Amino acid sequence: MKIAVALTICLSLYSQRSLAWGAYGHEQINSEAISLIKDDPLGACFAKNRDRMVRLAVTPDLDWKMSSQDSFALKVYTVVEELPKDPTNSYLLKKVKEILDNEVKKKAGSRILSDEFVEALGTNPSNPQLLAQLKEKELAEGKLGVFTYEDLKLKKTLDKDEHSLHYWEADAYSKNILDLKSGVNFDRDDLQDYEERAKANAKEIAAIDPCKTPSGLPSRDVIQHGTAPWRIYDLLNTGSALLGEAVKTHDQTKFENALTILGTMGHYVGDMGQPFHATLNYDGQGSGPTTLKIHSSYEEAILERFAKYPNSGQNDVPKTKTGRPKLGKPKTRQDDRTKLWAPFTTEPTVDIYAKTYLRDISPNDLAERDIIPTIFKLVADGYPLIKVLLPAFSAARLADPDYKQLDLPLVECGPKKPGAPKGVNVHSITLDKFLVTKIKVPGIDHPITVVESAEKRMGEASAVLAKLWLTAERLSKIDSAALNDFCPNLQFDSDYATKDFRENVMANYPGILYHQPLSDFDRYPKKEQKLDDSDAQPSDGDVDDPISDGDNSNDADTPPRQPQSVKLKATHSTKKEK
């Protein structure tokens, strides 16, 4: 069973972007969008289910993509499941002993396996009868009561296609984003044009992101650059149709699934507001080693740090003997009960940007022909930020005495080799300097801080999401009276990791309807190109915040909709396989 248990935690070509705006940012975008339309019947309905709608903002990352912890848990469960079948298998015995040794060292409550399981076996897996007795309960209950063995296997199948839905590398085709084709018939009308543009731009693509080399399969070469705008359009149509049907028939199950689709749509809209989700240079890897890791630093680390410690980066903050700032107790953190971040709707900066952008988009909801162009506008308005953020991040890093440049490749293609280094971390000193750096942003006549530019982008994403929700209300063909009459306040277990909630959103995963699934193609190009040794550094790594207070935000079936303008092509079953 070596193949079954030796599951490698790989660096996927399509997992370069982790949590987009992070849990904090994505939750804020959905929350602010609800506030923008609170006086509308649908906005009032969403407000009744605010916790659910806010939690759904992170579902595409937390529930539909595999984290490294999920991959390890699946490996552990596979060993546990296989061992009783062959208790004499020395390879399996060795693997389970390694796992048990590792689990015993952890504190109770932080293990992947249950405390009962670990304590019963200790570090000795030689009792297969006892293991067999405990196995069924262990695999059924799941990691920390969240994901079962079956859940993780299902999640792994969803993960294959989910990554490319979170970004759209517009500059793979043109830097004039608004000139690109923005029809809704992506697979029929636009795909060929994008194929030709990517082929013509192949040299620049290879220079910035050598993992995306031509494969000889044109559709794959386009899809690997992301299709987030069409994912949003697809969910808008699916969710609005389901919402209309649910309200007309007073079907609570369909209503819950409609909220799931429209709530998760907010995640992809938020992704399109993040500048580094719209470029080949997604992590600064194309600009040299000092800009590497800008992606997670901009979208997640500085936002959560600033939310907790608004005095981050200020010169008058007391310092420790080692020069690190004494920031005091966090001002904002995740709620102990809901595990959701406090909303930022009290922050006037974000609200002003959101309301201003909402007026700029359209006075009413969006006509079908305007949906994709509106998303393109969101992308295009944020794209110029890349040019000013890269040097700002580089300067902050070079001013950090803890920064050490490692002689490693900037980009790694294909599965990551076991034991390969993760690369450089981004330290709190860099983050503090970066978030308060003043930059010139197009459309604003005075410099603003980097963190304010991020808040501006989140506010603008909230405005687009609010406009799309109003469009969904029109497309659903329900009137205000009907929605006021039927808008159930769905019971929502506020536990962030509630098992029933996560199983439901995985079982009702909305499959891709507008293009061939990426999992149909080979995961990695057959030919891999390397950057010159002078451009060397790794492609993944974590943001290190030594002053962190320990908060960690990351650790009835849906019927197929039939919009006239989209070719149906279901790729995943809506039923969970047992």
Protein backbone atom coordinates (compact mmCIF):
# COMPACT_ATOMS: atom_id res chain seq x y z
CA MET A 1 0.00 0.00 0.00
CA LYS A 2 2.95 2.31 -0.43
CA ILE A 3 1.20 4.30 -3.09
CA ALA A 4 -1.85 4.75 -0.90
CA VAL A 5 -0.02 5.99 2.15
CA ALA A 6 2.90 7.86 0.71
CA LEU A 7 0.84 10.90 -0.16
CA THR A 8 3.15 13.77 -0.97
CA ILE A 9 2.30 17.30 0.09
CA CYS A 10 3.03 18.98 -3.22
CA LEU A 11 3.42 22.51 -4.41
CA SER A 12 0.74 22.69 -7.05
CA LEU A 13 1.16 24.80 -10.14
CA TYR A 14 -2.27 26.19 -9.43
CA SER A 15 -1.96 26.81 -5.67
CA GLN A 16 0.26 29.87 -5.84
CA ARG A 17 -2.40 32.03 -4.25
CA SER A 18 -3.49 31.09 -0.79
CA LEU A 19 -6.23 32.99 1.00
CA ALA A 20 -6.52 36.00 -1.31
CA TRP A 21 -7.45 38.78 1.15
CA GLY A 22 -7.11 36.32 4.00
CA ALA A 23 -10.04 35.39 6.22
CA TYR A 24 -10.11 38.92 7.64
CA GLY A 25 -10.34 40.71 4.30
CA HIS A 26 -12.81 38.36 2.64
CA GLU A 27 -15.14 38.47 5.62
CA GLN A 28 -15.04 42.27 5.59
CA ILE A 29 -15.89 42.44 1.89
CA ASN A 30 -19.06 40.36 2.30
CA SER A 31 -20.01 42.21 5.47
CA GLU A 32 -19.59 45.65 3.91
CA ALA A 33 -21.55 44.61 0.79
CA ILE A 34 -24.49 43.63 3.01
CA SER A 35 -24.34 47.02 4.72
CA LEU A 36 -24.34 48.81 1.36
CA ILE A 37 -27.71 47.27 0.39
CA LYS A 38 -29.24 46.92 3.86
CA ASP A 39 -32.28 49.01 2.83
CA ASP A 40 -33.03 46.68 -0.10
CA PRO A 41 -35.22 43.59 0.58
CA LEU A 42 -32.41 41.21 -0.42
CA GLY A 43 -29.88 43.17 1.64
CA ALA A 44 -32.21 42.99 4.65
CA CYS A 45 -32.58 39.25 4.07
CA PHE A 46 -28.81 38.79 3.93
CA ALA A 47 -28.46 40.89 7.08
CA LYS A 48 -30.71 38.38 8.90
CA ASN A 49 -28.17 35.72 7.93
CA ARG A 50 -25.07 37.90 8.27
CA ASP A 51 -22.87 35.39 10.13
CA ARG A 52 -23.57 32.74 7.50
CA MET A 53 -22.95 35.12 4.59
CA VAL A 54 -19.72 36.34 6.17
CA ARG A 55 -18.50 32.79 6.82
CA LEU A 56 -19.29 31.83 3.22
CA ALA A 57 -16.79 34.44 2.07
CA VAL A 58 -13.95 32.09 3.03
CA THR A 59 -15.57 28.80 2.00
CA PRO A 60 -13.80 28.59 -1.40
CA ASP A 61 -10.43 28.69 0.39
CA LEU A 62 -11.17 26.79 3.59
CA ASP A 63 -13.69 24.21 2.41
CA TRP A 64 -12.96 23.69 -1.29
CA LYS A 65 -9.15 23.82 -1.36
CA MET A 66 -6.69 21.53 0.41
CA SER A 67 -4.36 23.13 2.94
CA SER A 68 -1.05 21.54 3.91
CA GLN A 69 -2.71 20.44 7.16
CA ASP A 70 -5.53 18.81 5.17
CA SER A 71 -2.98 16.96 3.04
CA PHE A 72 -1.18 15.71 6.13
CA ALA A 73 -4.46 14.69 7.79
CA LEU A 74 -5.42 12.73 4.68
CA LYS A 75 -2.06 10.98 4.82
CA VAL A 76 -2.58 10.13 8.49
CA TYR A 77 -6.10 8.82 7.90
CA THR A 78 -4.93 6.71 4.98
CA VAL A 79 -2.39 4.99 7.21
CA VAL A 80 -4.99 4.44 9.93
CA GLU A 81 -7.44 3.03 7.40
CA GLU A 82 -4.95 0.69 5.74
CA LEU A 83 -3.06 -0.74 8.72
CA PRO A 84 -5.69 -3.12 10.13
CA LYS A 85 -6.01 -4.72 6.69
CA ASP A 86 -2.41 -5.89 6.86
CA PRO A 87 -0.96 -5.68 10.41
CA THR A 88 2.18 -7.52 9.30
CA ASN A 89 3.14 -4.89 6.73
CA SER A 90 6.42 -3.47 8.06
CA TYR A 91 6.18 -0.38 5.88
CA LEU A 92 2.75 0.51 7.28
CA LEU A 93 3.88 -0.20 10.82
CA LYS A 94 6.79 2.15 10.35
CA LYS A 95 4.58 4.90 8.94
CA VAL A 96 1.98 4.66 11.71
CA LYS A 97 4.72 4.68 14.34
CA GLU A 98 6.11 7.89 12.84
CA ILE A 99 2.65 9.43 12.93
CA LEU A 100 1.97 8.36 16.50
CA ASP A 101 5.36 9.63 17.64
CA ASN A 102 4.52 12.99 16.12
CA GLU A 103 1.00 13.11 17.57
CA VAL A 104 2.13 12.17 21.10
CA LYS A 105 4.46 15.18 21.15
CA LYS A 106 1.56 17.55 20.47
CA LYS A 107 -0.67 19.03 23.12
CA ALA A 108 -4.07 17.46 23.65
CA GLY A 109 -6.59 19.23 21.44
CA SER A 110 -4.10 20.16 18.74
CA ARG A 111 -3.62 16.67 17.34
CA ILE A 112 -5.01 15.44 14.06
CA LEU A 113 -5.90 12.14 15.66
CA SER A 114 -8.14 12.09 18.71
CA ASP A 115 -6.59 12.11 22.18
CA GLU A 116 -8.38 8.82 22.91
CA PHE A 117 -6.81 7.18 19.87
CA VAL A 118 -3.30 8.40 20.63
CA GLU A 119 -3.46 7.58 24.34
CA ALA A 120 -4.83 4.09 23.69
CA LEU A 121 -2.04 3.21 21.27
CA GLY A 122 0.74 5.30 22.73
CA THR A 123 3.61 5.08 20.29
CA ASN A 124 3.17 1.35 19.75
CA PRO A 125 1.12 0.41 16.66
CA SER A 126 1.65 -3.33 17.18
CA ASN A 127 -1.86 -3.91 18.51
CA PRO A 128 -3.86 -4.21 15.28
CA GLN A 129 -6.98 -5.43 17.08
CA LEU A 130 -7.17 -2.29 19.17
CA LEU A 131 -6.39 -0.18 16.12
CA ALA A 132 -9.21 -1.85 14.21
CA GLN A 133 -11.64 -1.14 17.06
CA LEU A 134 -10.72 2.53 17.19
CA LYS A 135 -10.36 3.04 13.44
CA GLU A 136 -14.02 3.27 12.48
CA LYS A 137 -14.83 5.93 15.07
CA GLU A 138 -11.64 7.85 14.33
CA LEU A 139 -12.23 8.09 10.60
CA ALA A 140 -15.94 8.90 11.00
CA GLU A 141 -15.46 11.74 13.47
CA GLY A 142 -12.69 13.46 11.57
CA LYS A 143 -9.85 15.82 12.32
CA LEU A 144 -10.75 17.84 15.41
CA GLY A 145 -14.38 17.03 14.66
CA VAL A 146 -14.25 18.91 11.34
CA PHE A 147 -13.22 16.86 8.32
CA THR A 148 -13.67 13.11 8.16
CA TYR A 149 -11.63 10.79 5.98
CA GLU A 150 -14.42 10.84 3.37
CA ASP A 151 -14.63 14.64 3.60
CA LEU A 152 -10.94 15.01 2.85
CA LYS A 153 -11.09 12.66 -0.10
CA LEU A 154 -13.98 14.68 -1.52
CA LYS A 155 -12.19 17.94 -0.79
CA LYS A 156 -9.15 16.70 -2.68
CA THR A 157 -11.27 16.17 -5.79
CA LEU A 158 -12.70 19.69 -5.52
CA ASP A 159 -9.22 21.13 -5.02
CA LYS A 160 -8.07 20.06 -8.49
CA ASP A 161 -10.22 22.59 -10.30
CA GLU A 162 -10.75 25.24 -7.64
CA HIS A 163 -7.41 27.08 -7.74
CA SER A 164 -7.67 28.53 -11.24
CA LEU A 165 -11.09 30.00 -10.39
CA HIS A 166 -9.53 32.44 -7.90
CA TYR A 167 -7.46 34.60 -10.24
CA TRP A 168 -7.25 35.99 -13.74
CA GLU A 169 -3.81 36.93 -15.02
CA ALA A 170 -5.01 39.63 -17.38
CA ASP A 171 -1.52 40.72 -18.36
CA ALA A 172 -0.89 37.29 -19.85
CA TYR A 173 -2.99 38.67 -22.71
CA SER A 174 -2.68 42.45 -22.56
CA LYS A 175 -1.91 45.24 -20.12
CA ASN A 176 -4.88 47.13 -21.58
CA ILE A 177 -7.36 45.11 -19.60
CA LEU A 178 -10.49 46.92 -20.73
CA ASP A 179 -9.65 46.10 -24.36
CA LEU A 180 -9.94 42.36 -23.75
CA LYS A 181 -13.04 40.47 -24.81
CA SER A 182 -15.63 40.50 -22.07
CA GLY A 183 -18.45 38.39 -23.42
CA VAL A 184 -20.31 35.92 -21.26
CA ASN A 185 -19.89 33.05 -23.74
CA PHE A 186 -16.32 32.36 -22.64
CA ASP A 187 -16.03 28.85 -24.08
CA ARG A 188 -17.65 29.74 -27.40
CA ASP A 189 -16.66 33.30 -28.30
CA ASP A 190 -13.70 34.40 -26.23
CA LEU A 191 -11.52 31.34 -25.68
CA GLN A 192 -9.92 31.37 -29.13
CA ASP A 193 -9.03 35.06 -28.83
CA TYR A 194 -7.41 34.48 -25.45
CA GLU A 195 -5.55 31.46 -26.81
CA GLU A 196 -4.07 33.56 -29.60
CA ARG A 197 -3.09 36.37 -27.24
CA ALA A 198 -1.40 33.97 -24.81
CA LYS A 199 0.51 32.35 -27.65
CA ALA A 200 1.69 35.73 -28.93
CA ASN A 201 2.78 36.67 -25.42
CA ALA A 202 4.48 33.34 -24.65
CA LYS A 203 7.97 34.83 -24.29
CA GLU A 204 6.95 37.33 -21.62
CA ILE A 205 4.86 34.70 -19.82
CA ALA A 206 7.84 32.34 -19.66
CA ALA A 207 10.10 35.12 -18.35
CA ILE A 208 7.81 36.01 -15.45
CA ASP A 209 6.21 32.66 -14.67
CA PRO A 210 8.16 29.82 -16.27
CA CYS A 211 5.79 27.21 -14.85
CA LYS A 212 3.20 28.26 -17.40
CA THR A 213 4.94 27.07 -20.52
CA PRO A 214 2.88 26.12 -23.61
CA SER A 215 1.60 22.56 -23.38
CA GLY A 216 0.24 22.09 -26.87
CA LEU A 217 -3.27 22.18 -25.40
CA PRO A 218 -4.54 25.73 -26.04
CA SER A 219 -7.55 25.53 -23.70
CA ARG A 220 -5.32 24.43 -20.86
CA ASP A 221 -2.91 27.27 -21.55
CA VAL A 222 -5.71 29.81 -21.17
CA ILE A 223 -7.40 28.23 -18.17
CA GLN A 224 -4.11 28.03 -16.25
CA HIS A 225 -4.08 31.85 -16.23
CA GLY A 226 -7.34 31.81 -14.31
CA THR A 227 -11.00 32.40 -15.14
CA ALA A 228 -12.34 34.18 -12.06
CA PRO A 229 -14.55 36.72 -13.93
CA TRP A 230 -16.54 33.94 -15.59
CA ARG A 231 -16.75 31.99 -12.35
CA ILE A 232 -18.46 35.04 -10.85
CA TYR A 233 -20.84 35.30 -13.78
CA ASP A 234 -21.62 31.60 -13.54
CA LEU A 235 -22.40 31.75 -9.81
CA LEU A 236 -24.52 34.86 -10.29
CA ASN A 237 -26.76 33.03 -12.75
CA THR A 238 -26.88 29.83 -10.74
CA GLY A 239 -27.56 31.58 -7.45
CA SER A 240 -30.22 33.95 -8.76
CA ALA A 241 -32.17 31.14 -10.44
CA LEU A 242 -32.05 29.07 -7.27
CA LEU A 243 -33.04 32.03 -5.12
CA GLY A 244 -36.09 32.72 -7.26
CA GLU A 245 -37.18 29.12 -7.13
CA ALA A 246 -36.64 28.93 -3.36
CA VAL A 247 -38.67 32.05 -2.59
CA LYS A 248 -41.53 31.11 -4.92
CA THR A 249 -41.83 27.60 -3.43
CA HIS A 250 -40.82 28.53 0.15
CA ASP A 251 -38.18 25.81 -0.04
CA GLN A 252 -35.72 26.35 2.82
CA THR A 253 -33.15 23.85 1.52
CA LYS A 254 -32.96 25.60 -1.84
CA PHE A 255 -32.83 28.95 -0.05
CA GLU A 256 -29.83 27.77 1.98
CA ASN A 257 -28.09 26.57 -1.16
CA ALA A 258 -28.83 29.89 -2.92
CA LEU A 259 -27.19 31.75 -0.04
CA THR A 260 -24.21 29.41 -0.31
CA ILE A 261 -23.73 30.22 -3.99
CA LEU A 262 -24.27 33.97 -3.68
CA GLY A 263 -22.21 34.17 -0.48
CA THR A 264 -19.25 32.30 -1.94
CA MET A 265 -19.50 34.46 -5.08
CA GLY A 266 -18.26 37.27 -2.85
CA HIS A 267 -14.96 35.44 -2.41
CA TYR A 268 -14.17 35.50 -6.13
CA VAL A 269 -15.23 39.15 -6.41
CA GLY A 270 -12.83 39.91 -3.56
CA ASP A 271 -10.09 38.05 -5.41
CA MET A 272 -10.58 40.31 -8.41
CA GLY A 273 -10.09 43.33 -6.17
CA GLN A 274 -6.65 42.05 -5.12
CA PRO A 275 -4.09 43.39 -7.67
CA PHE A 276 -1.81 40.36 -7.39
CA HIS A 277 -4.64 38.05 -8.47
CA ALA A 278 -4.61 39.75 -11.87
CA THR A 279 -0.96 39.48 -12.89
CA LEU A 280 1.65 36.96 -13.96
CA ASN A 281 3.91 38.55 -11.35
CA TYR A 282 1.53 37.26 -8.67
CA ASP A 283 4.10 37.05 -5.87
CA GLY A 284 6.74 39.52 -7.01
CA GLN A 285 8.80 36.64 -8.34
CA GLY A 286 9.28 38.44 -11.64
CA SER A 287 10.82 41.51 -9.98
CA GLY A 288 13.66 39.95 -8.01
CA PRO A 289 14.19 38.41 -4.58
CA THR A 290 13.32 41.46 -2.47
CA THR A 291 9.73 41.56 -3.74
CA LEU A 292 9.05 37.85 -3.29
CA LYS A 293 6.18 37.14 -0.84
CA ILE A 294 4.45 40.45 -1.49
CA HIS A 295 1.24 38.57 -2.28
CA SER A 296 0.35 37.28 1.18
CA SER A 297 1.97 40.29 2.84
CA TYR A 298 -0.32 42.73 1.05
CA GLU A 299 -3.55 40.79 1.08
CA GLU A 300 -3.50 39.22 4.52
CA ALA A 301 -0.58 39.94 6.82
CA ILE A 302 -0.69 43.74 6.94
CA LEU A 303 -4.49 43.82 7.17
CA GLU A 304 -4.72 41.46 10.12
CA ARG A 305 -1.76 43.10 11.79
CA PHE A 306 -3.24 46.57 11.36
CA ALA A 307 -6.66 45.35 12.57
CA LYS A 308 -5.09 44.01 15.76
CA TYR A 309 -2.51 46.76 16.23
CA PRO A 310 -3.52 50.10 14.62
CA ASN A 311 -0.28 51.62 15.95
CA SER A 312 1.84 49.26 13.80
CA GLY A 313 4.63 51.12 12.04
CA GLN A 314 4.31 54.30 14.09
CA ASN A 315 7.60 55.87 15.19
CA ASP A 316 6.45 56.59 18.75
CA VAL A 317 5.74 52.95 19.61
CA PRO A 318 7.99 51.72 22.48
CA LYS A 319 10.58 49.15 21.46
CA THR A 320 11.99 46.05 23.12
CA LYS A 321 15.73 45.60 23.66
CA THR A 322 15.90 43.78 20.33
CA GLY A 323 14.21 46.68 18.55
CA ARG A 324 10.79 45.08 18.10
CA PRO A 325 7.73 47.24 18.79
CA LYS A 326 5.62 46.83 21.92
CA LEU A 327 2.17 46.97 20.38
CA GLY A 328 0.08 46.09 23.42
CA LYS A 329 -3.12 44.06 23.45
CA PRO A 330 -4.91 43.49 20.12
CA LYS A 331 -7.68 46.00 19.42
CA THR A 332 -9.58 43.68 17.09
CA ARG A 333 -9.56 39.92 16.99
CA GLN A 334 -11.74 37.01 16.03
CA ASP A 335 -14.81 36.59 18.17
CA ASP A 336 -14.43 33.74 20.65
CA ARG A 337 -17.91 32.48 19.85
CA THR A 338 -18.19 32.89 16.08
CA LYS A 339 -14.50 32.78 15.16
CA LEU A 340 -15.34 35.58 12.71
CA TRP A 341 -13.53 38.88 12.61
CA ALA A 342 -15.31 41.97 13.86
CA PRO A 343 -16.73 43.89 10.87
CA PHE A 344 -14.86 46.94 9.66
CA THR A 345 -18.01 48.84 8.72
CA THR A 346 -17.19 51.27 11.50
CA GLU A 347 -14.02 52.23 9.64
CA PRO A 348 -14.98 55.37 7.66
CA THR A 349 -12.18 54.94 5.13
CA VAL A 350 -13.45 51.63 3.78
CA ASP A 351 -17.08 52.70 3.80
CA ILE A 352 -16.32 55.93 1.91
CA TYR A 353 -14.35 54.09 -0.79
CA ALA A 354 -17.12 51.48 -1.11
CA LYS A 355 -19.93 54.03 -1.44
CA THR A 356 -17.94 56.15 -3.90
CA TYR A 357 -17.20 53.18 -6.13
CA LEU A 358 -20.79 51.99 -5.91
CA ARG A 359 -21.91 55.29 -7.44
CA ASP A 360 -19.23 55.04 -10.14
CA ILE A 361 -20.32 51.61 -11.36
CA SER A 362 -23.95 52.12 -12.30
CA PRO A 363 -27.00 53.76 -10.75
CA ASN A 364 -28.97 50.53 -11.05
CA ASP A 365 -28.31 46.81 -11.12
CA LEU A 366 -26.30 45.43 -14.03
CA ALA A 367 -27.54 44.35 -17.44
CA GLU A 368 -26.12 41.02 -18.58
CA ARG A 369 -23.77 42.69 -21.07
CA ASP A 370 -22.30 44.81 -18.24
CA ILE A 371 -21.49 42.04 -15.75
CA ILE A 372 -18.09 40.90 -17.07
CA PRO A 373 -17.02 44.48 -18.04
CA THR A 374 -17.78 45.59 -14.47
CA ILE A 375 -15.48 42.89 -13.14
CA PHE A 376 -12.85 43.89 -15.70
CA LYS A 377 -13.14 47.49 -14.48
CA LEU A 378 -12.55 46.32 -10.89
CA VAL A 379 -9.40 44.53 -12.07
CA ALA A 380 -8.21 47.41 -14.26
CA ASP A 381 -8.66 49.99 -11.49
CA GLY A 382 -6.41 47.99 -9.18
CA TYR A 383 -3.77 46.93 -11.69
CA PRO A 384 -1.71 50.20 -11.52
CA LEU A 385 -1.14 49.55 -7.81
CA ILE A 386 1.25 46.73 -8.67
CA LYS A 387 3.78 49.17 -10.07
CA VAL A 388 3.93 51.22 -6.83
CA LEU A 389 3.53 48.37 -4.33
CA LEU A 390 6.53 46.35 -5.57
CA PRO A 391 9.19 49.02 -4.86
CA ALA A 392 7.48 49.93 -1.57
CA PHE A 393 7.70 46.32 -0.40
CA SER A 394 11.28 45.96 -1.61
CA ALA A 395 12.33 49.09 0.32
CA ALA A 396 10.61 47.88 3.49
CA ARG A 397 12.36 44.55 3.23
CA LEU A 398 15.81 45.99 2.65
CA ALA A 399 15.30 48.21 5.72
CA ASP A 400 14.54 45.13 7.85
CA PRO A 401 17.70 43.96 9.70
CA ASP A 402 16.18 40.46 9.97
CA TYR A 403 15.86 40.03 6.21
CA LYS A 404 18.21 37.47 4.71
CA GLN A 405 18.28 36.72 1.02
CA LEU A 406 18.61 33.01 0.31
CA ASP A 407 20.20 31.58 -2.81
CA LEU A 408 17.14 29.61 -3.92
CA PRO A 409 15.06 29.57 -7.12
CA LEU A 410 12.37 32.25 -7.33
CA VAL A 411 9.96 29.80 -8.95
CA GLU A 412 9.64 26.05 -8.55
CA CYS A 413 7.60 24.09 -11.08
CA GLY A 414 6.02 20.75 -10.40
CA PRO A 415 5.74 18.86 -7.13
CA LYS A 416 7.94 20.17 -4.37
CA LYS A 417 10.74 17.83 -3.39
CA PRO A 418 10.50 16.40 0.15
CA GLY A 419 12.67 18.37 2.55
CA ALA A 420 13.00 21.36 0.23
CA PRO A 421 13.31 24.65 2.14
CA LYS A 422 10.27 26.91 2.34
CA GLY A 423 12.31 30.00 1.76
CA VAL A 424 12.46 33.38 3.40
CA ASN A 425 9.84 34.61 5.82
CA VAL A 426 8.41 38.09 5.94
CA HIS A 427 9.09 39.46 9.40
CA SER A 428 6.99 41.84 11.45
CA ILE A 429 9.51 44.67 10.98
CA THR A 430 9.04 44.47 7.21
CA LEU A 431 5.26 44.42 7.61
CA ASP A 432 5.27 47.45 9.92
CA LYS A 433 7.40 49.46 7.49
CA PHE A 434 5.41 48.32 4.47
CA LEU A 435 1.91 49.05 5.77
CA VAL A 436 2.67 52.70 6.63
CA THR A 437 4.66 53.45 3.45
CA LYS A 438 3.04 56.29 1.51
CA ILE A 439 2.31 55.58 -2.15
CA LYS A 440 0.73 57.54 -4.99
CA VAL A 441 -2.48 55.90 -6.12
CA PRO A 442 -4.12 56.84 -9.44
CA GLY A 443 -7.27 58.86 -8.91
CA ILE A 444 -6.23 60.25 -5.51
CA ASP A 445 -4.50 63.62 -5.38
CA HIS A 446 -2.45 62.85 -2.27
CA PRO A 447 -0.30 59.90 -1.16
CA ILE A 448 -1.97 57.25 0.99
CA THR A 449 -0.51 54.41 3.04
CA VAL A 450 -0.19 50.89 1.67
CA VAL A 451 -2.73 49.59 4.17
CA GLU A 452 -5.21 52.27 3.09
CA SER A 453 -4.74 51.21 -0.52
CA ALA A 454 -5.72 47.68 0.53
CA GLU A 455 -8.77 49.01 2.35
CA LYS A 456 -9.66 50.99 -0.78
CA ARG A 457 -9.50 47.86 -2.89
CA MET A 458 -11.64 45.90 -0.43
CA GLY A 459 -14.20 48.68 -0.36
CA GLU A 460 -14.35 48.70 -4.16
CA ALA A 461 -14.77 44.92 -4.25
CA SER A 462 -17.62 45.29 -1.74
CA ALA A 463 -19.32 47.80 -4.05
CA VAL A 464 -19.13 45.43 -7.03
CA LEU A 465 -20.43 42.56 -4.91
CA ALA A 466 -23.35 44.67 -3.68
CA LYS A 467 -24.21 45.57 -7.27
CA LEU A 468 -24.04 41.91 -8.32
CA TRP A 469 -26.35 40.90 -5.46
CA LEU A 470 -28.88 43.50 -6.59
CA THR A 471 -28.56 42.05 -10.09
CA ALA A 472 -29.19 38.58 -8.69
CA GLU A 473 -32.36 39.91 -7.07
CA ARG A 474 -33.62 41.16 -10.45
CA LEU A 475 -32.62 37.96 -12.27
CA SER A 476 -34.44 35.85 -9.67
CA LYS A 477 -37.72 37.50 -10.80
CA ILE A 478 -39.06 37.82 -7.26
CA ASP A 479 -40.74 40.94 -5.98
CA SER A 480 -40.06 42.67 -2.67
CA ALA A 481 -43.26 41.39 -1.08
CA ALA A 482 -42.36 37.77 -1.84
CA LEU A 483 -38.86 38.19 -0.40
CA ASN A 484 -40.21 39.92 2.69
CA ASP A 485 -42.67 37.08 3.11
CA PHE A 486 -40.05 34.35 2.81
CA CYS A 487 -36.56 35.02 4.15
CA PRO A 488 -35.88 32.43 6.84
CA ASN A 489 -33.31 33.22 9.50
CA LEU A 490 -31.36 30.01 9.00
CA GLN A 491 -29.96 28.35 12.06
CA PHE A 492 -26.22 28.73 11.89
CA ASP A 493 -23.89 27.12 14.35
CA SER A 494 -21.49 29.98 14.87
CA ASP A 495 -18.58 27.66 15.52
CA TYR A 496 -16.19 28.57 12.70
CA ALA A 497 -15.35 24.93 12.07
CA THR A 498 -18.84 23.47 12.41
CA LYS A 499 -18.87 20.05 10.84
CA ASP A 500 -22.41 20.15 9.39
CA PHE A 501 -21.81 23.51 7.69
CA ARG A 502 -18.60 22.37 6.02
CA GLU A 503 -20.04 19.07 4.88
CA ASN A 504 -23.01 20.90 3.37
CA VAL A 505 -20.94 23.37 1.35
CA MET A 506 -18.71 20.58 0.05
CA ALA A 507 -21.66 18.37 -0.88
CA ASN A 508 -23.28 21.25 -2.78
CA TYR A 509 -20.16 22.46 -4.55
CA PRO A 510 -21.14 24.40 -7.70
CA GLY A 511 -19.25 22.75 -10.54
CA ILE A 512 -17.65 24.56 -13.46
CA LEU A 513 -20.09 25.05 -16.32
CA TYR A 514 -18.24 27.33 -18.72
CA HIS A 515 -15.04 25.51 -19.68
CA GLN A 516 -13.33 22.16 -19.67
CA PRO A 517 -12.12 21.38 -16.12
CA LEU A 518 -8.42 21.90 -15.62
CA SER A 519 -8.15 18.50 -13.95
CA ASP A 520 -8.74 16.95 -17.38
CA PHE A 521 -5.25 18.10 -18.34
CA ASP A 522 -1.85 17.10 -17.02
CA ARG A 523 -1.18 19.03 -13.84
CA TYR A 524 2.33 20.07 -14.85
CA PRO A 525 3.74 21.00 -18.26
CA LYS A 526 5.99 18.35 -19.71
CA LYS A 527 8.71 20.89 -20.35
CA GLU A 528 9.78 23.02 -17.42
CA GLN A 529 11.93 26.12 -17.78
CA LYS A 530 14.11 27.51 -15.00
CA LEU A 531 14.92 31.09 -14.17
CA ASP A 532 18.53 32.16 -14.22
CA ASP A 533 20.40 31.53 -10.99
CA SER A 534 20.55 35.28 -10.48
CA ASP A 535 16.75 35.34 -9.98
CA ALA A 536 16.68 32.67 -7.30
CA GLN A 537 14.24 32.25 -4.43
CA PRO A 538 11.43 29.86 -3.46
CA SER A 539 7.81 30.06 -4.45
CA ASP A 540 6.19 29.46 -1.11
CA GLY A 541 6.67 30.34 2.52
CA ASP A 542 4.92 31.83 5.47
CA VAL A 543 4.64 35.29 6.87
CA ASP A 544 6.31 35.29 10.23
CA ASP A 545 4.84 37.55 12.90
CA PRO A 546 6.78 37.04 16.15
CA ILE A 547 4.41 39.37 18.01
CA SER A 548 1.28 37.50 16.98
CA ASP A 549 -1.18 36.86 19.78
CA GLY A 550 -1.91 33.42 18.42
CA ASP A 551 -5.07 34.11 16.42
CA ASN A 552 -5.21 31.96 13.32
CA SER A 553 -8.00 32.40 10.87
CA ASN A 554 -6.74 29.67 8.60
CA ASP A 555 -6.04 26.71 10.68
CA ALA A 556 -31.54 18.99 -1.26
CA ASP A 557 -29.04 19.28 -4.19
CA THR A 558 -28.33 22.40 -6.22
CA PRO A 559 -30.06 22.01 -9.59
CA PRO A 560 -28.11 22.93 -12.71
CA ARG A 561 -29.06 26.41 -13.87
CA GLN A 562 -29.79 27.05 -17.51
CA PRO A 563 -28.95 30.64 -18.47
CA GLN A 564 -29.38 31.29 -22.16
CA SER A 565 -25.85 32.59 -22.60
CA VAL A 566 -23.75 29.85 -21.04
CA LYS A 567 -23.03 26.43 -22.42
CA LEU A 568 -23.72 23.81 -19.77
CA LYS A 569 -20.94 21.44 -18.87
CA ALA A 570 -21.21 20.02 -15.36
CA THR A 571 -17.93 18.70 -14.00
CA HIS A 572 -18.67 17.64 -10.44
CA SER A 573 -21.51 15.71 -8.91
CA THR A 574 -23.50 17.76 -6.42
CA LYS A 575 -23.92 14.72 -4.24
CA LYS A 576 -21.29 13.75 -1.78
CA GLU A 577 -19.89 10.32 -2.46
CA LYS A 578 -19.84 7.92 0.43
